[in-house]
Amino acid sequence: MSIAWRDAMSRALYGSGGFFVAGTGPADHFRTSVHASPAFATALLRLVTEVDAALGHPSRLDVVDVGAGRGELLRALAGLAHNPTGLAHSPTGLAHNPTGLAVGVSGEPTRSGRSGLIPPRVGSPETLTPTASARPAPDGPSLAAPRAPLAERVRFTAVEYAPRPENLPEEITWTAEIPAEFTGVLLATEWLDNVPLDVALHTEDGWRYVLVDPESGAESVGEPVSPDDHDWLTKWWPNPEALPSMDGAPNLGVTWSDATSEGESGFGAARPAQGSSLTARSRPGCPETPHSDYLRAEIGRSRDEAWANAVRKISRGLAVAVDYGHLREARPVDGTLTGYRGGRQVPPVPDGSSDVTAHVAMDSVASAGAAVARCAYSLVLQREALRALGADGGRPPLSLAGTDPVGYVRALATASAVAELTDPAGLGGHWWLRQPVGIPLGPAVAR
C-alpha cells in the first residue's frame, strides 16, 4: 500500500524498530563532520565560549544537541571541557583559548553518523521584525565579579528517540524532547535532513503528492498538495514549467532494488554537500533510472516548522544547524532523496533498513527561524565557518620540521583533518545556519 513520503519516512526512521531507534543506530552507516575530526568539536566549543561571553557568563549554560545519535558530539565536547591540557596543545591546531578550557581530544574519533527527530507540528512562525527589536540581554555581572569556569557551568543535553547508551557519561542528560526555556547553545548537526517531508510532482494538473510503497520503494502519483504546501512551493521552489510527456503521465511506479557495486563506497567518502543530481536515482550501479517528465520537489515546510520550534525553546543564546542543502536559485530539478546503509549510498526505500534523507532548503529554514527569534541569521558554508573559528587547515611551515619534528608531524596531521572538514566538494560544502536569540550578532555570527 502506497503512502505519503512524510509518513513513510517517519515510520522508517523513528517508528518501532526504525533506523534511528533500534539496534546500534547509524554508527556503521555513514560519516559526518562530527566524526571526521576532533577539530569539528573543538571549533564548536570555541563557538560555545563566544556565546557564553555574549550572554555575560551565566551561572548555567546549556548545550543541547538535537538528533544526538548515540551522543558522540556531546561526548567529545564534555571531554574537551574537562581536559586540563589547554587549547594550544590540542590536535586541532586552534591557537586561542579565551576560557582556559582544554579543547584537545585524545583517542580516535568514532565513525558514527547523524540522527534526527520527528518534530511536533507547530503553527506558523511569528512575523519577522527588525533586528533591533531582539530581546535585550539582562544586566550581566560586573567585570570585577568572580565567575566559575565554563566547565563548572555548562550542562550537556542530548535529544534523541533511541534509548540512552549504556556507557554515556553521567553528566550528559538524555531526553526525547528539546528542553524548554534554556539559555545557551542548540546544536543540530545533520538533523534537519532527517526530518520527514513530503515529495511533490508538478504534473499537467499542478502539484501532486508522490506516494511510495514502504516495502519496495515504488512510487505513484497521489492527490493535489494541500493549500499550505502549495503556498510553500510557490514561495520557495522555482516556478515549475512542466516538460512535455510522451504519454501525458509521469513515469513512476518502478520498484527499486539495492544494487550497490563493490568499491563504490566507504566511510572515507563524504556525501554530496550541496543539492545535486547525485542521488540514488542517478547513481551508477543502480537499476535503470525511472525518469519523470515533470519537475520534482521536496516540500520543506516540515523542516521549517521543526527549526522554528527548536529556536522557540531558547530564552537567550544561539541555535546552530549544520547540514547539506540548497538555496532557491539552485534547487535540484530531480530532488535529492536518497538512502545510506553500511557506508554505501543506496536507493531510498523506506522499509527501516537504511537511512532515508533529503537535502535541506536552507533559506526557507533560516527564514522560519528568524521569524521566531526576531533576529537576523547567518548562513555560510562550513569552510568559512570553521576558518572563522580558527580551523583553517593550513599546512605548517616546513621550517618547523627542523626545529620541532614531533610538532610538525602533529600539525601536518591536523592540517589534513581540517582540510577534509573544509573541502568545498565534501564536508566543507555543508551549510552553517546560525540563529542568535536575544544576543547581538558577534563576529562568529555576523552575516
Protein backbone atom coordinates (compact mmCIF):
# COMPACT_ATOMS: atom_id res chain seq x y z
CA MET A 1 0.00 0.00 0.00
CA SER A 2 1.45 3.36 -1.04
CA ILE A 3 1.52 6.23 1.45
CA ALA A 4 2.87 9.79 1.56
CA TRP A 5 6.66 10.09 1.75
CA ARG A 6 6.44 12.03 5.03
CA ASP A 7 4.58 9.18 6.71
CA ALA A 8 6.87 6.58 5.19
CA MET A 9 9.99 8.38 6.44
CA SER A 10 8.51 8.80 9.91
CA ARG A 11 7.88 5.07 10.26
CA ALA A 12 11.14 4.01 8.66
CA LEU A 13 13.36 6.30 10.74
CA TYR A 14 11.53 6.68 14.06
CA GLY A 15 8.86 4.01 14.33
CA SER A 16 9.20 0.82 16.33
CA GLY A 17 12.36 -0.78 15.00
CA GLY A 18 13.13 2.33 12.94
CA PHE A 19 16.58 3.07 11.60
CA PHE A 20 17.48 5.69 14.22
CA VAL A 21 15.77 3.97 17.14
CA ALA A 22 16.64 0.28 17.03
CA GLY A 23 19.93 -1.57 17.19
CA THR A 24 23.27 0.17 17.36
CA GLY A 25 21.99 3.17 15.43
CA PRO A 26 23.64 4.88 12.47
CA ALA A 27 27.23 4.31 13.64
CA ASP A 28 28.10 1.85 10.87
CA HIS A 29 26.33 3.57 8.01
CA PHE A 30 27.85 6.96 7.21
CA ARG A 31 30.46 9.53 8.13
CA THR A 32 29.85 13.16 9.11
CA SER A 33 31.85 16.15 10.31
CA VAL A 34 31.33 15.22 13.95
CA HIS A 35 33.29 12.05 13.42
CA ALA A 36 35.69 13.05 10.68
CA SER A 37 37.99 15.00 13.00
CA PRO A 38 38.22 16.28 16.60
CA ALA A 39 38.72 19.72 15.01
CA PHE A 40 34.98 19.93 14.44
CA ALA A 41 34.09 19.58 18.13
CA THR A 42 36.92 21.93 19.06
CA ALA A 43 35.56 24.62 16.74
CA LEU A 44 32.10 24.18 18.20
CA LEU A 45 33.48 24.57 21.72
CA ARG A 46 35.13 27.78 20.59
CA LEU A 47 31.72 28.95 19.40
CA VAL A 48 30.16 27.94 22.73
CA THR A 49 32.70 30.08 24.62
CA GLU A 50 31.87 33.06 22.41
CA VAL A 51 28.17 32.64 23.11
CA ASP A 52 28.94 32.29 26.83
CA ALA A 53 30.71 35.65 26.73
CA ALA A 54 27.85 37.28 24.79
CA LEU A 55 25.44 36.04 27.45
CA GLY A 56 27.53 37.53 30.24
CA HIS A 57 28.78 34.17 31.57
CA PRO A 58 25.51 32.92 33.10
CA SER A 59 25.53 30.64 36.13
CA ARG A 60 24.26 27.84 33.89
CA LEU A 61 24.97 27.47 30.17
CA ASP A 62 23.07 24.73 28.37
CA VAL A 63 24.44 22.97 25.29
CA VAL A 64 21.64 20.96 23.65
CA ASP A 65 22.39 18.54 20.81
CA VAL A 66 19.26 17.75 18.77
CA GLY A 67 19.35 14.47 16.88
CA ALA A 68 22.26 13.30 19.01
CA GLY A 69 22.71 9.84 17.52
CA ARG A 70 24.45 7.96 20.31
CA GLY A 71 25.85 11.09 21.95
CA GLU A 72 29.14 11.26 20.03
CA LEU A 73 29.32 15.04 19.73
CA LEU A 74 28.50 15.73 23.37
CA ARG A 75 30.99 13.08 24.49
CA ALA A 76 33.66 15.00 22.60
CA LEU A 77 32.56 18.39 23.92
CA ALA A 78 32.37 17.13 27.51
CA GLY A 79 35.82 15.61 27.17
CA LEU A 80 37.21 18.84 25.80
CA ALA A 81 35.66 20.89 28.59
CA HIS A 82 37.35 18.81 31.28
CA ASN A 83 40.72 18.23 29.64
CA PRO A 84 43.39 20.15 31.57
CA THR A 85 45.95 20.45 28.77
CA GLY A 86 44.71 23.63 27.12
CA LEU A 87 43.90 24.72 23.60
CA ALA A 88 47.41 25.42 22.41
CA HIS A 89 48.27 21.73 22.63
CA SER A 90 45.14 20.39 21.04
CA PRO A 91 45.34 18.28 17.88
CA THR A 92 43.15 20.79 16.05
CA GLY A 93 45.76 23.50 15.93
CA LEU A 94 43.43 26.24 17.17
CA ALA A 95 45.51 28.91 18.81
CA HIS A 96 43.10 30.79 21.02
CA ASN A 97 41.60 29.79 24.36
CA PRO A 98 39.56 32.59 25.90
CA THR A 99 38.21 30.48 28.77
CA GLY A 100 41.16 28.41 29.85
CA LEU A 101 39.21 25.29 28.91
CA ALA A 102 41.01 22.47 27.28
CA VAL A 103 39.88 21.63 23.80
CA GLY A 104 42.22 18.80 22.93
CA VAL A 105 40.91 15.34 22.19
CA SER A 106 42.72 12.11 22.85
CA GLY A 107 41.99 8.85 21.12
CA GLU A 108 40.36 8.17 17.78
CA PRO A 109 37.05 9.76 16.77
CA THR A 110 34.12 7.43 16.34
CA ARG A 111 32.70 6.55 12.94
CA SER A 112 29.14 7.24 13.93
CA GLY A 113 26.73 9.35 11.99
CA ARG A 114 23.83 11.70 12.27
CA SER A 115 20.36 11.22 13.56
CA GLY A 116 17.12 13.09 13.77
CA LEU A 117 13.79 13.53 15.49
CA ILE A 118 10.26 13.91 14.30
CA PRO A 119 9.32 17.46 15.31
CA PRO A 120 5.95 18.33 16.79
CA ARG A 121 3.65 20.08 14.36
CA VAL A 122 3.55 23.75 15.21
CA GLY A 123 1.80 26.79 13.83
CA SER A 124 3.22 29.38 11.52
CA PRO A 125 6.13 31.41 12.90
CA GLU A 126 5.65 34.95 14.05
CA THR A 127 6.09 37.85 11.67
CA LEU A 128 9.69 38.93 11.34
CA THR A 129 10.56 42.23 12.98
CA PRO A 130 13.75 44.27 12.65
CA THR A 131 16.94 43.01 14.27
CA ALA A 132 16.92 45.94 16.65
CA SER A 133 13.84 44.52 18.34
CA ALA A 134 15.70 41.48 19.66
CA ARG A 135 15.11 40.92 23.34
CA PRO A 136 17.72 42.88 25.31
CA ALA A 137 20.12 40.95 27.50
CA PRO A 138 19.69 41.49 31.22
CA ASP A 139 22.47 43.21 33.09
CA GLY A 140 25.35 40.77 33.47
CA PRO A 141 27.78 40.52 36.33
CA SER A 142 30.27 43.33 36.79
CA LEU A 143 33.66 42.88 35.21
CA ALA A 144 35.21 42.54 38.65
CA ALA A 145 32.80 39.84 39.82
CA PRO A 146 34.38 36.39 40.03
CA ARG A 147 32.77 33.67 37.97
CA ALA A 148 33.06 29.91 37.84
CA PRO A 149 34.91 28.35 34.90
CA LEU A 150 32.76 27.31 31.97
CA ALA A 151 33.49 23.66 32.74
CA GLU A 152 31.59 24.05 36.01
CA ARG A 153 28.66 25.96 34.50
CA VAL A 154 27.99 24.07 31.28
CA ARG A 155 25.24 21.44 31.11
CA PHE A 156 25.01 18.97 28.22
CA THR A 157 21.70 17.56 26.94
CA ALA A 158 21.28 15.00 24.15
CA VAL A 159 17.90 14.94 22.39
CA GLU A 160 17.20 11.61 20.72
CA TYR A 161 14.44 8.99 20.48
CA ALA A 162 16.74 6.00 20.87
CA PRO A 163 17.36 4.59 24.37
CA ARG A 164 20.19 6.13 26.36
CA PRO A 165 23.52 4.44 25.54
CA GLU A 166 24.85 2.37 28.44
CA ASN A 167 28.30 3.98 28.51
CA LEU A 168 27.22 7.60 28.14
CA PRO A 169 28.86 9.86 30.75
CA GLU A 170 26.51 10.72 33.62
CA GLU A 171 27.00 14.43 33.05
CA ILE A 172 25.10 14.18 29.73
CA THR A 173 21.32 14.31 30.13
CA TRP A 174 19.38 12.11 27.69
CA THR A 175 15.85 13.09 26.62
CA ALA A 176 13.39 12.63 23.76
CA GLU A 177 12.28 16.27 23.59
CA ILE A 178 14.06 19.60 23.31
CA PRO A 179 14.02 21.25 26.75
CA ALA A 180 12.08 24.50 27.02
CA GLU A 181 13.29 27.91 28.14
CA PHE A 182 17.00 27.24 28.25
CA THR A 183 19.91 29.66 27.92
CA GLY A 184 22.85 28.62 25.79
CA VAL A 185 23.53 26.84 22.50
CA LEU A 186 21.36 24.47 20.48
CA LEU A 187 23.30 22.28 18.05
CA ALA A 188 21.65 20.44 15.15
CA THR A 189 24.35 18.75 13.10
CA GLU A 190 22.72 16.92 10.20
CA TRP A 191 19.36 16.72 11.95
CA LEU A 192 17.09 18.61 9.57
CA ASP A 193 17.87 16.37 6.59
CA ASN A 194 16.21 13.53 8.51
CA VAL A 195 13.07 15.45 9.44
CA PRO A 196 10.40 13.64 7.38
CA LEU A 197 8.94 15.56 4.46
CA ASP A 198 6.53 15.15 1.60
CA VAL A 199 7.55 14.92 -2.04
CA ALA A 200 5.59 16.53 -4.86
CA LEU A 201 5.47 16.34 -8.64
CA HIS A 202 4.33 19.17 -10.91
CA THR A 203 2.05 17.49 -13.44
CA GLU A 204 -0.26 18.89 -16.08
CA ASP A 205 -2.82 19.22 -13.26
CA GLY A 206 -0.43 21.13 -10.98
CA TRP A 207 1.42 19.98 -7.88
CA ARG A 208 0.53 16.50 -6.62
CA TYR A 209 1.98 14.39 -3.82
CA VAL A 210 4.27 11.49 -4.64
CA LEU A 211 3.30 8.29 -2.83
CA VAL A 212 5.64 5.40 -2.05
CA ASP A 213 5.33 1.73 -1.21
CA PRO A 214 7.37 1.37 2.02
CA GLU A 215 8.44 -2.18 1.23
CA SER A 216 9.58 -1.77 -2.38
CA GLY A 217 10.17 1.95 -2.83
CA ALA A 218 7.85 2.01 -5.86
CA GLU A 219 6.27 5.43 -6.36
CA SER A 220 2.95 6.65 -7.70
CA VAL A 221 1.14 9.97 -8.03
CA GLY A 222 -1.37 10.96 -5.35
CA GLU A 223 -3.75 13.79 -4.58
CA PRO A 224 -3.14 17.52 -5.19
CA VAL A 225 -0.99 19.11 -2.49
CA SER A 226 -2.64 20.96 0.40
CA PRO A 227 -3.02 24.76 0.29
CA ASP A 228 -0.21 25.18 2.86
CA ASP A 229 2.17 23.01 0.86
CA HIS A 230 1.17 24.76 -2.34
CA ASP A 231 1.98 28.11 -0.75
CA TRP A 232 5.38 26.80 0.36
CA LEU A 233 6.17 25.51 -3.13
CA THR A 234 5.11 28.78 -4.69
CA LYS A 235 7.38 30.79 -2.40
CA TRP A 236 10.41 28.54 -2.03
CA TRP A 237 10.68 26.30 -5.08
CA PRO A 238 11.37 27.72 -8.56
CA ASN A 239 8.30 28.31 -10.69
CA PRO A 240 7.83 24.97 -12.48
CA GLU A 241 7.37 24.52 -16.19
CA ALA A 242 6.19 21.00 -16.88
CA LEU A 243 8.12 19.38 -19.71
CA PRO A 244 6.12 17.62 -22.42
CA SER A 245 5.44 13.97 -21.74
CA MET A 246 5.17 11.38 -24.48
CA ASP A 247 2.17 9.70 -22.90
CA GLY A 248 0.85 12.54 -20.75
CA ALA A 249 1.66 10.75 -17.47
CA PRO A 250 4.66 10.82 -15.20
CA ASN A 251 6.89 7.79 -15.35
CA LEU A 252 6.66 6.48 -11.77
CA GLY A 253 5.83 3.21 -10.11
CA VAL A 254 9.14 1.45 -10.74
CA THR A 255 10.34 -0.84 -7.95
CA TRP A 256 13.78 -0.03 -6.59
CA SER A 257 16.32 -2.68 -5.72
CA ASP A 258 19.55 -2.43 -3.75
CA ALA A 259 22.23 -2.51 -6.45
CA THR A 260 25.44 -1.26 -4.93
CA SER A 261 28.59 -2.37 -6.69
CA GLU A 262 31.75 -3.27 -4.84
CA GLY A 263 34.23 -0.50 -4.18
CA GLU A 264 31.75 2.33 -4.65
CA SER A 265 31.59 3.39 -1.06
CA GLY A 266 33.41 3.68 2.20
CA PHE A 267 33.39 5.83 5.26
CA GLY A 268 36.19 7.98 3.84
CA ALA A 269 33.95 9.46 1.14
CA ALA A 270 31.85 12.47 2.09
CA ARG A 271 28.26 12.63 0.89
CA PRO A 272 27.36 15.37 -1.59
CA ALA A 273 27.13 18.58 0.42
CA GLN A 274 25.01 20.68 -1.90
CA GLY A 275 21.91 19.92 -3.92
CA SER A 276 22.77 17.85 -6.98
CA SER A 277 21.53 15.02 -9.12
CA LEU A 278 23.92 12.58 -7.45
CA THR A 279 21.17 10.65 -5.72
CA ALA A 280 20.04 7.06 -5.74
CA ARG A 281 18.02 7.90 -8.84
CA SER A 282 21.05 8.62 -10.99
CA ARG A 283 23.96 6.91 -9.25
CA PRO A 284 25.95 4.41 -11.30
CA GLY A 285 25.26 0.86 -10.18
CA CYS A 286 21.54 1.36 -9.63
CA PRO A 287 18.94 -0.19 -11.93
CA GLU A 288 17.73 1.87 -14.87
CA THR A 289 16.55 5.20 -13.50
CA PRO A 290 12.82 5.92 -13.81
CA HIS A 291 12.93 9.48 -15.12
CA SER A 292 9.85 11.66 -14.75
CA ASP A 293 8.96 14.25 -17.35
CA TYR A 294 7.85 16.60 -14.58
CA LEU A 295 9.58 18.76 -12.02
CA ARG A 296 10.03 17.01 -8.68
CA ALA A 297 10.19 18.92 -5.38
CA GLU A 298 10.82 18.06 -1.73
CA ILE A 299 8.45 20.12 0.42
CA GLY A 300 10.48 21.66 3.22
CA ARG A 301 7.62 23.03 5.30
CA SER A 302 8.05 20.33 7.96
CA ARG A 303 11.74 21.27 8.32
CA ASP A 304 10.80 24.96 8.68
CA GLU A 305 8.40 24.05 11.49
CA ALA A 306 10.98 21.84 13.19
CA TRP A 307 13.63 24.57 13.17
CA ALA A 308 11.19 27.28 14.28
CA ASN A 309 10.08 25.07 17.18
CA ALA A 310 13.70 24.46 18.20
CA VAL A 311 14.57 28.16 18.10
CA ARG A 312 11.44 28.93 20.12
CA LYS A 313 12.79 26.84 23.03
CA ILE A 314 15.79 29.17 23.51
CA SER A 315 15.36 32.00 26.01
CA ARG A 316 18.69 33.57 25.03
CA GLY A 317 21.56 32.14 23.09
CA LEU A 318 22.33 30.68 19.69
CA ALA A 319 20.88 27.91 17.51
CA VAL A 320 23.26 26.28 15.02
CA ALA A 321 22.21 23.94 12.20
CA VAL A 322 24.90 22.21 10.13
CA ASP A 323 23.55 20.36 7.12
CA TYR A 324 23.83 19.78 3.43
CA GLY A 325 21.31 21.72 1.42
CA HIS A 326 20.45 24.14 -1.36
CA LEU A 327 19.07 27.64 -1.96
CA ARG A 328 16.08 28.76 -4.00
CA GLU A 329 18.10 29.81 -7.03
CA ALA A 330 19.69 26.37 -7.27
CA ARG A 331 17.05 23.82 -6.31
CA PRO A 332 17.77 20.33 -7.71
CA VAL A 333 15.50 19.50 -10.64
CA ASP A 334 15.09 15.81 -9.76
CA GLY A 335 15.27 16.11 -5.97
CA THR A 336 17.87 14.70 -3.58
CA LEU A 337 16.06 11.90 -1.77
CA THR A 338 18.43 9.00 -1.19
CA GLY A 339 19.47 6.34 1.31
CA TYR A 340 22.57 5.13 3.15
CA ARG A 341 23.35 1.72 4.56
CA GLY A 342 26.61 0.12 5.60
CA GLY A 343 28.69 3.05 4.34
CA ARG A 344 27.08 2.96 0.92
CA GLN A 345 24.60 5.13 -0.91
CA VAL A 346 21.51 3.07 -1.74
CA PRO A 347 18.06 3.71 -3.24
CA PRO A 348 15.65 5.40 -0.82
CA VAL A 349 13.44 2.50 0.23
CA PRO A 350 11.63 3.46 3.47
CA ASP A 351 11.47 -0.02 4.99
CA GLY A 352 13.51 0.81 8.12
CA SER A 353 16.68 -0.94 6.99
CA SER A 354 18.53 2.18 5.86
CA ASP A 355 18.80 5.91 6.35
CA VAL A 356 16.43 7.97 4.19
CA THR A 357 17.48 11.58 3.76
CA ALA A 358 16.98 14.64 1.57
CA HIS A 359 18.92 17.90 1.32
CA VAL A 360 17.58 20.91 3.23
CA ALA A 361 16.10 24.08 1.75
CA MET A 362 18.38 26.19 3.93
CA ASP A 363 16.99 29.62 3.04
CA SER A 364 13.44 28.56 3.85
CA VAL A 365 14.51 27.07 7.19
CA ALA A 366 16.54 30.18 8.01
CA SER A 367 13.59 32.46 7.33
CA ALA A 368 11.34 30.43 9.62
CA GLY A 369 13.82 30.60 12.49
CA ALA A 370 14.44 34.31 12.06
CA ALA A 371 10.71 35.00 12.26
CA VAL A 372 10.60 33.33 15.68
CA ALA A 373 13.84 34.82 17.04
CA ARG A 374 13.17 38.29 15.60
CA CYS A 375 16.89 38.48 14.87
CA ALA A 376 18.89 38.30 11.66
CA TYR A 377 20.58 34.97 10.91
CA SER A 378 23.92 33.97 9.45
CA LEU A 379 24.16 31.42 6.63
CA VAL A 380 27.63 30.47 5.40
CA LEU A 381 29.42 27.40 4.10
CA GLN A 382 31.21 25.19 6.61
CA ARG A 383 34.65 26.01 5.29
CA GLU A 384 34.02 29.69 6.04
CA ALA A 385 32.52 28.98 9.47
CA LEU A 386 35.39 26.76 10.59
CA ARG A 387 38.04 29.17 9.36
CA ALA A 388 36.36 31.96 11.32
CA LEU A 389 36.66 29.74 14.39
CA GLY A 390 40.37 29.16 13.87
CA ALA A 391 40.40 25.91 11.89
CA ASP A 392 41.87 26.84 8.53
CA GLY A 393 43.65 23.62 7.56
CA GLY A 394 46.79 25.49 6.56
CA ARG A 395 49.93 23.42 6.03
CA PRO A 396 52.57 24.04 8.75
CA PRO A 397 55.81 25.74 7.66
CA LEU A 398 58.48 23.29 6.57
CA SER A 399 60.96 25.01 8.87
CA LEU A 400 59.05 23.58 11.83
CA ALA A 401 60.21 20.09 10.82
CA GLY A 402 63.78 21.07 11.63
CA THR A 403 63.10 22.70 14.98
CA ASP A 404 60.23 20.54 16.22
CA PRO A 405 59.79 17.31 14.21
CA VAL A 406 57.10 15.92 16.50
CA GLY A 407 55.21 19.19 16.43
CA TYR A 408 55.49 19.31 12.65
CA VAL A 409 54.02 15.82 12.26
CA ARG A 410 51.22 16.69 14.65
CA ALA A 411 50.47 19.94 12.81
CA LEU A 412 50.56 18.14 9.46
CA ALA A 413 48.03 15.57 10.67
CA THR A 414 45.88 18.41 11.97
CA ALA A 415 46.01 20.23 8.64
CA SER A 416 44.93 17.06 6.84
CA ALA A 417 41.97 16.52 9.16
CA VAL A 418 40.83 20.13 8.89
CA ALA A 419 41.27 20.02 5.11
CA GLU A 420 38.63 17.27 4.96
CA LEU A 421 36.25 19.38 7.01
CA THR A 422 36.75 22.40 4.76
CA ASP A 423 36.85 20.67 1.36
CA PRO A 424 34.25 22.56 -0.75
CA ALA A 425 33.44 19.37 -2.68
CA GLY A 426 32.70 17.48 0.53
CA LEU A 427 32.07 18.41 4.13
CA GLY A 428 33.23 21.98 3.57
CA GLY A 429 30.24 22.50 1.29
CA HIS A 430 27.78 21.95 4.14
CA TRP A 431 25.84 24.98 5.31
CA TRP A 432 26.08 26.55 8.77
CA LEU A 433 22.89 28.31 9.81
CA ARG A 434 23.41 30.37 12.98
CA GLN A 435 20.39 31.98 14.58
CA PRO A 436 21.01 34.25 17.59
CA VAL A 437 18.21 34.73 20.11
CA GLY A 438 18.35 37.82 22.29
CA ILE A 439 22.10 38.34 21.87
CA PRO A 440 24.00 40.64 19.49
CA LEU A 441 25.48 39.42 16.26
CA GLY A 442 29.10 38.85 17.19
CA PRO A 443 31.97 38.07 14.80
CA ALA A 444 31.12 34.38 14.66
CA VAL A 445 27.51 35.00 13.66
CA ALA A 446 27.73 38.13 11.53
CA ARG A 447 26.07 37.91 8.11
